[in-house]
Amino acid sequence: VQLQASGGGLVQPGGSLRLSCAASGLTLDNYAIGWFRQAPGKEREVVSCIKGSDGTTDYADTVKGRFTISKDNAKNTVYLQMNSLGPEDTAVYYCAADSYYASFVTARVLGVQSIAIDYWGQGTLVTVSS
């Protein structure tokens, strides 16, 4: 299984970026995909997740209303559209896959250390700065 995250970069405050997570070696219908981020000196946190089978989504409160997660099962790819970005969104963003959607929700509520995610991708850096 490989998860290829891309789309990061430098953006000004108030700007937008779209991250992509291309999955290979698994079928999106059978997994949930989550986006995490880790800012310098901070713990990794769940940003959002989506169930591959039916598109059920979940968001961290800090991004709700600004970020939108979506999927394209035909392309085995999950996207994270990020709008109204602020300096607090600066972080390395990772995508991950797990057989259970609830794993990501649990991680959001109890912390990433509370669960073991099946597969991780490499990170993509998002820098929000003027």
N, C-alpha and C. Protein backbone atom coordinates (compact mmCIF):
# COMPACT_ATOMS: atom_id res chain seq x y z
N VAL A 1 0.84 -1.19 0.00
CA VAL A 1 0.00 0.00 0.00
C VAL A 1 0.88 1.24 0.00
N GLN A 2 0.52 2.17 -0.86
CA GLN A 2 1.23 3.45 -0.88
C GLN A 2 0.22 4.59 -0.91
N LEU A 3 0.52 5.61 -0.13
CA LEU A 3 -0.29 6.82 -0.11
C LEU A 3 0.62 7.98 -0.48
N GLN A 4 0.28 8.65 -1.57
CA GLN A 4 1.12 9.73 -2.08
C GLN A 4 0.40 11.05 -1.87
N ALA A 5 0.87 11.83 -0.91
CA ALA A 5 0.29 13.14 -0.65
C ALA A 5 1.01 14.20 -1.47
N SER A 6 0.25 15.13 -1.99
CA SER A 6 0.85 16.21 -2.78
C SER A 6 -0.03 17.45 -2.70
N GLY A 7 0.50 18.56 -3.21
CA GLY A 7 -0.29 19.78 -3.27
C GLY A 7 0.10 20.85 -2.27
N GLY A 8 1.03 20.55 -1.40
CA GLY A 8 1.46 21.55 -0.44
C GLY A 8 2.25 22.66 -1.10
N GLY A 9 2.50 23.70 -0.33
CA GLY A 9 3.27 24.81 -0.85
C GLY A 9 3.13 26.03 0.03
N LEU A 10 3.59 27.13 -0.50
CA LEU A 10 3.53 28.41 0.21
C LEU A 10 2.31 29.20 -0.28
N VAL A 11 1.53 29.68 0.65
CA VAL A 11 0.33 30.43 0.30
C VAL A 11 0.19 31.59 1.28
N GLN A 12 -0.37 32.67 0.80
CA GLN A 12 -0.58 33.84 1.66
C GLN A 12 -1.80 33.63 2.55
N PRO A 13 -1.83 34.27 3.69
CA PRO A 13 -3.03 34.19 4.56
C PRO A 13 -4.28 34.56 3.78
N GLY A 14 -5.32 33.78 4.01
CA GLY A 14 -6.57 33.97 3.28
C GLY A 14 -6.64 33.19 1.99
N GLY A 15 -5.54 32.59 1.60
CA GLY A 15 -5.50 31.84 0.35
C GLY A 15 -6.01 30.42 0.49
N SER A 16 -5.89 29.68 -0.61
CA SER A 16 -6.41 28.32 -0.67
C SER A 16 -5.37 27.37 -1.26
N LEU A 17 -5.48 26.12 -0.89
CA LEU A 17 -4.68 25.05 -1.47
C LEU A 17 -5.55 23.81 -1.52
N ARG A 18 -5.25 22.93 -2.45
CA ARG A 18 -5.90 21.63 -2.49
C ARG A 18 -4.85 20.54 -2.42
N LEU A 19 -4.96 19.74 -1.40
CA LEU A 19 -4.07 18.59 -1.24
C LEU A 19 -4.71 17.35 -1.86
N SER A 20 -3.86 16.49 -2.37
CA SER A 20 -4.33 15.22 -2.94
C SER A 20 -3.63 14.07 -2.23
N CYS A 21 -4.34 12.99 -2.08
CA CYS A 21 -3.78 11.75 -1.52
C CYS A 21 -4.14 10.63 -2.48
N ALA A 22 -3.17 10.21 -3.27
CA ALA A 22 -3.38 9.13 -4.23
C ALA A 22 -3.01 7.80 -3.60
N ALA A 23 -3.95 6.89 -3.57
CA ALA A 23 -3.73 5.59 -2.93
C ALA A 23 -3.51 4.51 -3.97
N SER A 24 -2.58 3.64 -3.70
CA SER A 24 -2.36 2.46 -4.54
C SER A 24 -2.19 1.25 -3.62
N GLY A 25 -2.60 0.10 -4.14
CA GLY A 25 -2.50 -1.10 -3.35
C GLY A 25 -3.69 -1.34 -2.43
N LEU A 26 -4.65 -0.46 -2.49
CA LEU A 26 -5.89 -0.64 -1.75
C LEU A 26 -7.03 -0.07 -2.56
N THR A 27 -8.22 -0.51 -2.20
CA THR A 27 -9.43 -0.02 -2.86
C THR A 27 -10.12 0.94 -1.93
N LEU A 28 -10.34 2.15 -2.39
CA LEU A 28 -10.88 3.20 -1.54
C LEU A 28 -12.22 2.82 -0.94
N ASP A 29 -12.99 2.02 -1.65
CA ASP A 29 -14.30 1.60 -1.15
C ASP A 29 -14.18 0.89 0.19
N ASN A 30 -13.04 0.28 0.45
CA ASN A 30 -12.89 -0.56 1.64
C ASN A 30 -12.14 0.13 2.79
N TYR A 31 -11.79 1.39 2.59
CA TYR A 31 -11.00 2.09 3.60
C TYR A 31 -11.57 3.48 3.89
N ALA A 32 -11.14 4.01 4.99
CA ALA A 32 -11.32 5.42 5.29
C ALA A 32 -9.96 6.10 5.13
N ILE A 33 -10.00 7.32 4.66
CA ILE A 33 -8.78 8.11 4.50
C ILE A 33 -8.85 9.32 5.41
N GLY A 34 -7.77 9.56 6.09
CA GLY A 34 -7.72 10.71 6.98
C GLY A 34 -6.56 11.63 6.63
N TRP A 35 -6.77 12.89 6.89
CA TRP A 35 -5.69 13.88 6.79
C TRP A 35 -5.29 14.30 8.20
N PHE A 36 -4.01 14.29 8.45
CA PHE A 36 -3.44 14.74 9.70
C PHE A 36 -2.51 15.91 9.39
N ARG A 37 -2.15 16.62 10.43
CA ARG A 37 -1.12 17.64 10.28
C ARG A 37 -0.30 17.72 11.54
N GLN A 38 0.93 18.15 11.36
CA GLN A 38 1.82 18.32 12.50
C GLN A 38 2.60 19.61 12.30
N ALA A 39 2.37 20.53 13.19
CA ALA A 39 3.08 21.80 13.17
C ALA A 39 4.35 21.66 14.00
N PRO A 40 5.34 22.49 13.75
CA PRO A 40 6.59 22.42 14.51
C PRO A 40 6.33 22.52 16.00
N GLY A 41 6.86 21.57 16.74
CA GLY A 41 6.74 21.59 18.18
C GLY A 41 5.39 21.15 18.72
N LYS A 42 4.52 20.70 17.83
CA LYS A 42 3.19 20.27 18.27
C LYS A 42 2.95 18.81 17.91
N GLU A 43 1.97 18.23 18.55
CA GLU A 43 1.61 16.85 18.26
C GLU A 43 0.83 16.76 16.95
N ARG A 44 0.93 15.60 16.35
CA ARG A 44 0.16 15.35 15.15
C ARG A 44 -1.32 15.32 15.51
N GLU A 45 -2.15 15.90 14.66
CA GLU A 45 -3.58 15.95 14.94
C GLU A 45 -4.38 15.61 13.68
N VAL A 46 -5.56 15.09 13.93
CA VAL A 46 -6.46 14.78 12.82
C VAL A 46 -7.08 16.07 12.31
N VAL A 47 -7.11 16.22 11.01
CA VAL A 47 -7.75 17.37 10.39
C VAL A 47 -9.14 16.98 9.88
N SER A 48 -9.18 15.87 9.15
CA SER A 48 -10.43 15.45 8.55
C SER A 48 -10.31 14.01 8.11
N CYS A 49 -11.45 13.36 7.90
CA CYS A 49 -11.43 12.00 7.38
C CYS A 49 -12.69 11.76 6.57
N ILE A 50 -12.62 10.74 5.73
CA ILE A 50 -13.74 10.40 4.87
C ILE A 50 -13.83 8.89 4.73
N LYS A 51 -15.04 8.39 4.78
CA LYS A 51 -15.24 6.96 4.59
C LYS A 51 -15.33 6.68 3.11
N GLY A 52 -14.51 5.76 2.65
CA GLY A 52 -14.44 5.49 1.21
C GLY A 52 -15.71 4.92 0.63
N SER A 53 -16.46 4.20 1.41
CA SER A 53 -17.64 3.52 0.89
C SER A 53 -18.81 4.47 0.65
N ASP A 54 -19.02 5.43 1.56
CA ASP A 54 -20.23 6.25 1.43
C ASP A 54 -19.98 7.75 1.56
N GLY A 55 -18.72 8.14 1.73
CA GLY A 55 -18.41 9.57 1.76
C GLY A 55 -18.71 10.28 3.07
N THR A 56 -19.01 9.53 4.13
CA THR A 56 -19.20 10.16 5.43
C THR A 56 -17.92 10.88 5.83
N THR A 57 -18.10 12.10 6.36
CA THR A 57 -16.93 12.92 6.68
C THR A 57 -16.94 13.38 8.13
N ASP A 58 -15.76 13.78 8.58
CA ASP A 58 -15.59 14.32 9.93
C ASP A 58 -14.49 15.36 9.86
N TYR A 59 -14.61 16.40 10.68
CA TYR A 59 -13.64 17.48 10.67
C TYR A 59 -13.27 17.90 12.09
N ALA A 60 -12.04 18.32 12.23
CA ALA A 60 -11.64 18.97 13.47
C ALA A 60 -12.33 20.32 13.55
N ASP A 61 -12.64 20.76 14.76
CA ASP A 61 -13.33 22.03 14.93
C ASP A 61 -12.54 23.20 14.35
N THR A 62 -11.23 23.08 14.39
CA THR A 62 -10.37 24.18 13.94
C THR A 62 -10.43 24.40 12.43
N VAL A 63 -10.93 23.43 11.68
CA VAL A 63 -10.97 23.57 10.22
C VAL A 63 -12.38 23.51 9.68
N LYS A 64 -13.33 23.22 10.53
CA LYS A 64 -14.72 23.08 10.08
C LYS A 64 -15.19 24.38 9.42
N GLY A 65 -15.79 24.26 8.26
CA GLY A 65 -16.25 25.44 7.53
C GLY A 65 -15.22 26.03 6.59
N ARG A 66 -13.96 25.63 6.75
CA ARG A 66 -12.89 26.14 5.88
C ARG A 66 -12.31 25.04 4.99
N PHE A 67 -12.25 23.83 5.49
CA PHE A 67 -11.67 22.71 4.76
C PHE A 67 -12.79 21.78 4.31
N THR A 68 -12.61 21.19 3.14
CA THR A 68 -13.56 20.22 2.63
C THR A 68 -12.80 19.00 2.12
N ILE A 69 -13.19 17.84 2.62
CA ILE A 69 -12.57 16.60 2.15
C ILE A 69 -13.52 15.95 1.14
N SER A 70 -12.94 15.36 0.11
CA SER A 70 -13.75 14.70 -0.91
C SER A 70 -12.95 13.54 -1.49
N LYS A 71 -13.61 12.73 -2.28
CA LYS A 71 -12.94 11.55 -2.82
C LYS A 71 -13.36 11.31 -4.25
N ASP A 72 -12.49 10.64 -4.96
CA ASP A 72 -12.79 10.16 -6.31
C ASP A 72 -12.40 8.69 -6.33
N ASN A 73 -13.36 7.84 -6.13
CA ASN A 73 -13.06 6.41 -6.04
C ASN A 73 -12.47 5.87 -7.34
N ALA A 74 -12.88 6.43 -8.47
CA ALA A 74 -12.35 5.96 -9.75
C ALA A 74 -10.85 6.21 -9.85
N LYS A 75 -10.42 7.30 -9.23
CA LYS A 75 -8.99 7.63 -9.23
C LYS A 75 -8.29 7.17 -7.96
N ASN A 76 -9.06 6.57 -7.05
CA ASN A 76 -8.49 6.15 -5.76
C ASN A 76 -7.76 7.30 -5.08
N THR A 77 -8.37 8.46 -5.11
CA THR A 77 -7.74 9.67 -4.60
C THR A 77 -8.70 10.43 -3.70
N VAL A 78 -8.13 10.96 -2.63
CA VAL A 78 -8.88 11.81 -1.70
C VAL A 78 -8.26 13.20 -1.73
N TYR A 79 -9.12 14.19 -1.66
CA TYR A 79 -8.67 15.58 -1.73
C TYR A 79 -9.01 16.32 -0.43
N LEU A 80 -8.22 17.32 -0.15
CA LEU A 80 -8.51 18.21 0.96
C LEU A 80 -8.42 19.64 0.43
N GLN A 81 -9.57 20.25 0.24
CA GLN A 81 -9.62 21.64 -0.19
C GLN A 81 -9.55 22.52 1.04
N MET A 82 -8.55 23.38 1.07
CA MET A 82 -8.32 24.22 2.23
C MET A 82 -8.48 25.68 1.83
N ASN A 83 -9.45 26.33 2.43
CA ASN A 83 -9.73 27.74 2.14
C ASN A 83 -9.51 28.59 3.38
N SER A 84 -9.41 29.88 3.18
CA SER A 84 -9.23 30.83 4.29
C SER A 84 -8.08 30.41 5.19
N LEU A 85 -6.99 30.08 4.58
CA LEU A 85 -5.84 29.59 5.35
C LEU A 85 -5.23 30.69 6.18
N GLY A 86 -4.77 30.31 7.35
CA GLY A 86 -4.09 31.23 8.25
C GLY A 86 -2.76 30.67 8.68
N PRO A 87 -1.93 31.47 9.30
CA PRO A 87 -0.62 30.99 9.75
C PRO A 87 -0.73 29.77 10.67
N GLU A 88 -1.83 29.65 11.37
CA GLU A 88 -2.01 28.50 12.27
C GLU A 88 -2.20 27.20 11.52
N ASP A 89 -2.42 27.26 10.24
CA ASP A 89 -2.57 26.06 9.41
C ASP A 89 -1.23 25.56 8.88
N THR A 90 -0.18 26.30 9.13
CA THR A 90 1.15 25.87 8.69
C THR A 90 1.54 24.58 9.39
N ALA A 91 1.85 23.58 8.59
CA ALA A 91 2.18 22.26 9.14
C ALA A 91 2.57 21.33 8.00
N VAL A 92 3.11 20.19 8.38
CA VAL A 92 3.24 19.09 7.43
C VAL A 92 1.94 18.30 7.48
N TYR A 93 1.35 18.10 6.32
CA TYR A 93 0.09 17.39 6.22
C TYR A 93 0.34 15.97 5.71
N TYR A 94 -0.25 15.01 6.40
CA TYR A 94 -0.11 13.60 6.05
C TYR A 94 -1.48 13.01 5.75
N CYS A 95 -1.50 12.07 4.81
CA CYS A 95 -2.72 11.30 4.65
C CYS A 95 -2.45 9.87 5.15
N ALA A 96 -3.51 9.22 5.54
CA ALA A 96 -3.41 7.88 6.10
C ALA A 96 -4.66 7.10 5.74
N ALA A 97 -4.54 5.79 5.77
CA ALA A 97 -5.67 4.91 5.46
C ALA A 97 -5.88 3.93 6.59
N ASP A 98 -7.13 3.67 6.86
CA ASP A 98 -7.45 2.67 7.88
C ASP A 98 -8.74 1.96 7.48
N SER A 99 -8.83 0.70 7.89
CA SER A 99 -10.03 -0.08 7.57
C SER A 99 -11.26 0.46 8.27
N TYR A 100 -11.04 1.17 9.38
CA TYR A 100 -12.17 1.63 10.18
C TYR A 100 -12.22 3.14 10.24
N TYR A 101 -13.30 3.69 9.77
CA TYR A 101 -13.53 5.14 9.84
C TYR A 101 -13.46 5.62 11.28
N ALA A 102 -13.95 4.81 12.19
CA ALA A 102 -14.00 5.20 13.59
C ALA A 102 -12.60 5.44 14.16
N SER A 103 -11.60 4.84 13.57
CA SER A 103 -10.23 5.05 14.05
C SER A 103 -9.85 6.52 13.97
N PHE A 104 -10.23 7.16 12.88
CA PHE A 104 -9.89 8.57 12.71
C PHE A 104 -10.70 9.45 13.64
N VAL A 105 -11.95 9.12 13.84
CA VAL A 105 -12.77 9.90 14.76
C VAL A 105 -12.22 9.76 16.18
N THR A 106 -11.86 8.55 16.53
CA THR A 106 -11.25 8.32 17.85
C THR A 106 -9.96 9.10 18.00
N ALA A 107 -9.16 9.10 16.96
CA ALA A 107 -7.89 9.84 17.00
C ALA A 107 -8.15 11.33 17.15
N ARG A 108 -9.19 11.83 16.51
CA ARG A 108 -9.50 13.26 16.63
C ARG A 108 -9.92 13.60 18.07
N VAL A 109 -10.68 12.73 18.67
CA VAL A 109 -11.22 13.00 20.00
C VAL A 109 -10.19 12.73 21.10
N LEU A 110 -9.47 11.63 20.98
CA LEU A 110 -8.58 11.18 22.06
C LEU A 110 -7.10 11.41 21.77
N GLY A 111 -6.80 11.80 20.55
CA GLY A 111 -5.40 12.00 20.21
C GLY A 111 -4.87 10.88 19.34
N VAL A 112 -3.90 11.22 18.50
CA VAL A 112 -3.36 10.25 17.55
C VAL A 112 -2.73 9.07 18.27
N GLN A 113 -2.20 9.28 19.45
CA GLN A 113 -1.52 8.21 20.17
C GLN A 113 -2.50 7.14 20.65
N SER A 114 -3.79 7.42 20.58
CA SER A 114 -4.79 6.49 21.10
C SER A 114 -5.09 5.34 20.15
N ILE A 115 -4.67 5.44 18.90
CA ILE A 115 -5.00 4.40 17.93
C ILE A 115 -3.79 4.07 17.09
N ALA A 116 -3.89 2.96 16.36
CA ALA A 116 -2.84 2.57 15.41
C ALA A 116 -3.45 2.58 14.02
N ILE A 117 -3.01 3.50 13.19
CA ILE A 117 -3.51 3.62 11.83
C ILE A 117 -2.81 2.59 10.95
N ASP A 118 -3.58 2.03 10.01
CA ASP A 118 -3.03 0.97 9.17
C ASP A 118 -1.87 1.43 8.29
N TYR A 119 -2.09 2.51 7.56
CA TYR A 119 -1.07 2.95 6.60
C TYR A 119 -0.93 4.47 6.63
N TRP A 120 0.31 4.91 6.51
CA TRP A 120 0.63 6.33 6.47
C TRP A 120 1.31 6.66 5.15
N GLY A 121 1.03 7.87 4.69
CA GLY A 121 1.75 8.40 3.54
C GLY A 121 2.83 9.36 4.02
N GLN A 122 3.61 9.84 3.08
CA GLN A 122 4.60 10.84 3.45
C GLN A 122 3.90 12.19 3.56
N GLY A 123 4.53 13.14 4.13
CA GLY A 123 3.90 14.43 4.33
C GLY A 123 4.11 15.40 3.19
N THR A 124 3.27 16.42 3.17
CA THR A 124 3.45 17.53 2.24
C THR A 124 3.35 18.81 3.05
N LEU A 125 4.29 19.70 2.86
CA LEU A 125 4.40 20.88 3.70
C LEU A 125 3.50 22.00 3.19
N VAL A 126 2.73 22.54 4.11
CA VAL A 126 1.89 23.71 3.82
C VAL A 126 2.40 24.86 4.69
N THR A 127 2.76 25.94 4.04
CA THR A 127 3.25 27.12 4.75
C THR A 127 2.36 28.29 4.40
N VAL A 128 1.77 28.88 5.43
CA VAL A 128 0.91 30.04 5.23
C VAL A 128 1.64 31.25 5.78
N SER A 129 2.03 32.11 4.90
CA SER A 129 2.84 33.26 5.31
C SER A 129 2.76 34.34 4.26
N SER A 130 2.86 35.57 4.73
CA SER A 130 2.90 36.70 3.81
C SER A 130 4.34 37.08 3.49
